[in-house]
Protein backbone atom coordinates (compact mmCIF):
# COMPACT_ATOMS: atom_id res chain seq x y z
CA MET A 1 144.91 222.75 -61.35
CA PRO A 2 146.81 225.47 -59.41
CA ALA A 3 145.02 228.75 -58.60
CA GLN A 4 146.06 231.65 -60.84
CA THR A 5 147.94 234.36 -59.00
CA ILE A 6 147.37 238.07 -59.37
CA GLY A 7 150.40 239.79 -57.98
CA TYR A 8 150.82 238.11 -54.58
CA LEU A 9 147.17 236.94 -54.37
CA THR A 10 145.55 233.84 -55.78
CA GLU A 11 142.46 234.40 -57.95
CA LEU A 12 140.27 233.01 -55.12
CA GLU A 13 141.76 235.39 -52.56
CA PHE A 14 141.35 238.29 -54.99
CA GLN A 15 137.65 237.46 -55.61
CA ARG A 16 137.04 237.19 -51.84
CA LEU A 17 138.53 240.65 -51.29
CA ILE A 18 136.31 242.08 -54.04
CA ARG A 19 133.20 240.34 -52.63
CA HIS A 20 133.82 241.81 -49.19
CA LYS A 21 134.55 245.22 -50.76
CA ILE A 22 138.04 245.27 -49.27
CA ILE A 23 139.34 246.23 -52.69
CA PRO A 24 137.25 247.73 -55.50
CA SER A 25 136.28 245.51 -58.38
CA HIS A 26 137.34 248.22 -60.83
CA MET A 27 133.84 248.29 -62.22
CA THR A 28 132.21 251.68 -62.64
CA ASP A 29 128.66 251.96 -61.33
CA PHE A 30 126.29 253.66 -63.75
CA SER A 31 122.85 255.00 -63.04
CA HIS A 32 120.26 256.81 -65.13
CA GLU A 33 118.69 259.68 -63.24
CA PRO A 34 116.20 261.64 -65.35
CA TYR A 35 115.47 265.24 -64.52
CA ASN A 36 112.77 265.81 -61.94
CA LYS A 37 111.79 269.09 -63.58
CA ILE A 38 112.64 271.04 -66.73
CA VAL A 39 111.76 274.73 -66.80
CA VAL A 40 111.29 276.18 -70.29
CA ARG A 41 111.67 279.97 -70.42
CA ASP A 42 110.44 280.56 -73.98
CA ILE A 43 108.71 278.63 -76.76
CA ILE A 44 109.03 279.91 -80.32
CA LYS A 45 107.00 278.50 -83.20
CA LEU A 46 108.48 279.12 -86.66
CA SER A 47 107.64 278.26 -90.22
CA LEU A 48 109.60 275.35 -91.66
CA ASP A 49 111.68 277.72 -93.82
CA ASP A 50 112.51 279.93 -90.85
CA ILE A 51 113.61 277.07 -88.62
CA ILE A 52 115.80 275.64 -91.42
CA ASN A 53 117.37 279.07 -91.96
CA MET A 54 118.01 279.47 -88.24
CA MET A 55 119.43 275.96 -87.79
CA SER A 56 121.69 276.28 -90.82
CA THR A 57 123.54 279.09 -89.01
CA LEU A 58 124.15 277.02 -85.87
CA GLU A 59 127.39 275.16 -85.30
CA SER A 60 125.79 271.70 -85.27
CA GLY A 61 123.40 272.52 -88.12
CA ASN A 62 121.10 269.63 -87.17
CA GLY A 63 117.54 269.66 -85.98
CA TYR A 64 115.82 267.10 -83.78
CA TRP A 65 112.62 265.33 -84.74
CA VAL A 66 110.01 263.61 -82.58
CA ASP A 67 106.38 262.83 -83.38
CA GLY A 68 105.79 265.37 -86.14
CA VAL A 69 107.92 268.15 -84.68
CA LEU A 70 111.25 269.55 -85.90
CA PHE A 71 112.90 271.42 -83.03
CA ALA A 72 115.97 272.70 -81.27
CA SER A 73 116.36 273.40 -77.57
CA PHE A 74 118.82 275.81 -76.04
CA ALA A 75 120.19 275.55 -72.52
CA MET A 76 120.72 278.60 -70.38
CA THR A 77 124.24 279.90 -69.88
CA ASP A 78 126.05 277.84 -67.26
CA SER A 79 126.38 279.26 -63.78
CA GLU A 80 127.15 277.99 -60.31
CA GLU A 81 123.48 278.40 -59.34
CA LEU A 82 122.31 276.36 -62.35
CA ALA A 83 124.88 273.67 -61.55
CA LYS A 84 123.38 273.34 -58.06
CA LYS A 85 119.91 272.97 -59.60
CA GLU A 86 121.21 270.28 -62.00
CA ILE A 87 122.39 268.23 -59.02
CA GLU A 88 118.86 268.54 -57.59
CA GLY A 89 117.43 267.20 -60.88
CA ILE A 90 116.17 270.54 -62.21
CA THR A 91 117.33 272.12 -65.46
CA TYR A 92 116.40 275.26 -67.33
CA LEU A 93 116.01 275.66 -71.07
CA ASP A 94 116.33 279.19 -72.39
CA LYS A 95 114.09 278.35 -75.33
CA ILE A 96 112.61 275.70 -77.56
CA ILE A 97 112.23 276.59 -81.21
CA PHE A 98 109.99 274.34 -83.30
CA ALA A 99 108.04 273.82 -86.49
CA LYS A 100 105.48 271.19 -87.34
CA TYR A 101 107.07 268.60 -89.64
CA GLU A 102 104.84 265.57 -89.98
CA ASN A 103 107.13 262.83 -91.30
CA TYR A 104 110.75 262.20 -90.42
CA THR A 105 113.36 262.56 -93.15
CA LYS A 106 117.16 262.54 -92.80
CA THR A 107 117.43 266.04 -94.25
CA VAL A 108 115.08 268.89 -95.05
CA LYS A 109 115.44 271.75 -97.56
CA SER A 110 114.04 275.24 -97.37
CA SER A 111 112.39 276.95 -100.32
CA THR A 112 115.76 278.65 -100.95
CA ASN A 113 117.54 275.25 -101.03
CA LEU A 114 119.24 275.51 -97.65
CA GLU A 115 119.51 272.00 -96.26
CA ILE A 116 119.95 270.73 -92.71
CA GLY A 117 120.26 267.28 -91.22
CA ILE A 118 117.59 265.91 -88.92
CA LEU A 119 118.23 263.54 -86.05
CA ASN A 120 115.36 261.25 -85.12
CA VAL A 121 115.35 261.23 -81.31
CA GLU A 122 112.01 259.43 -80.89
CA ASN A 123 113.72 256.80 -78.74
CA SER A 124 114.54 259.42 -76.11
CA SER A 125 111.92 259.37 -73.38
CA LEU A 126 112.98 262.89 -72.37
CA TYR A 127 112.41 264.34 -75.84
CA LYS A 128 109.17 262.37 -76.30
CA ASP A 129 107.89 263.83 -73.03
CA LEU A 130 109.06 267.31 -74.05
CA ILE A 131 107.18 267.18 -77.36
CA SER A 132 104.08 265.72 -75.71
CA TRP A 133 104.14 268.64 -73.26
CA LEU A 134 104.81 271.14 -76.09
CA LYS A 135 101.72 269.95 -78.00
CA LYS A 136 99.57 270.84 -74.98
CA GLN A 137 100.80 274.44 -74.88
CA PRO A 138 98.63 277.25 -76.35
CA ILE A 139 101.33 278.15 -78.90
CA TRP A 140 100.92 274.73 -80.57
CA ASN A 141 97.60 275.80 -82.16
CA ASP A 142 98.62 279.40 -82.97
């Protein structure tokens, strides 16, 4: 069976050039690089009604849920200095706002019938670590 040609190259010649990195394979390399450090500037504990009211005014209108906690996190305003820190694996959160909410549901209503969606992000190791850390902070028991 004759070798398939790609342009002026046979398939075998093409594969040899890729193997020896003479030409790129056109495959994108992906890597997962978690943050080395996350600095949280403020932690705000709210009642369930208050967090629903606050989240209902936000553009996304969804809250996140992990391990009995309904929350939202807010990044600091972008700057060149923060971009440099991101490259070093450090990020800053302006604030985390949370309420205890034992069991996950797809939506939650306030006492005034405002309703927001909830995204279960328990499969995120970053958010699981964040909530684990949050539960060790003094504000958790306030």
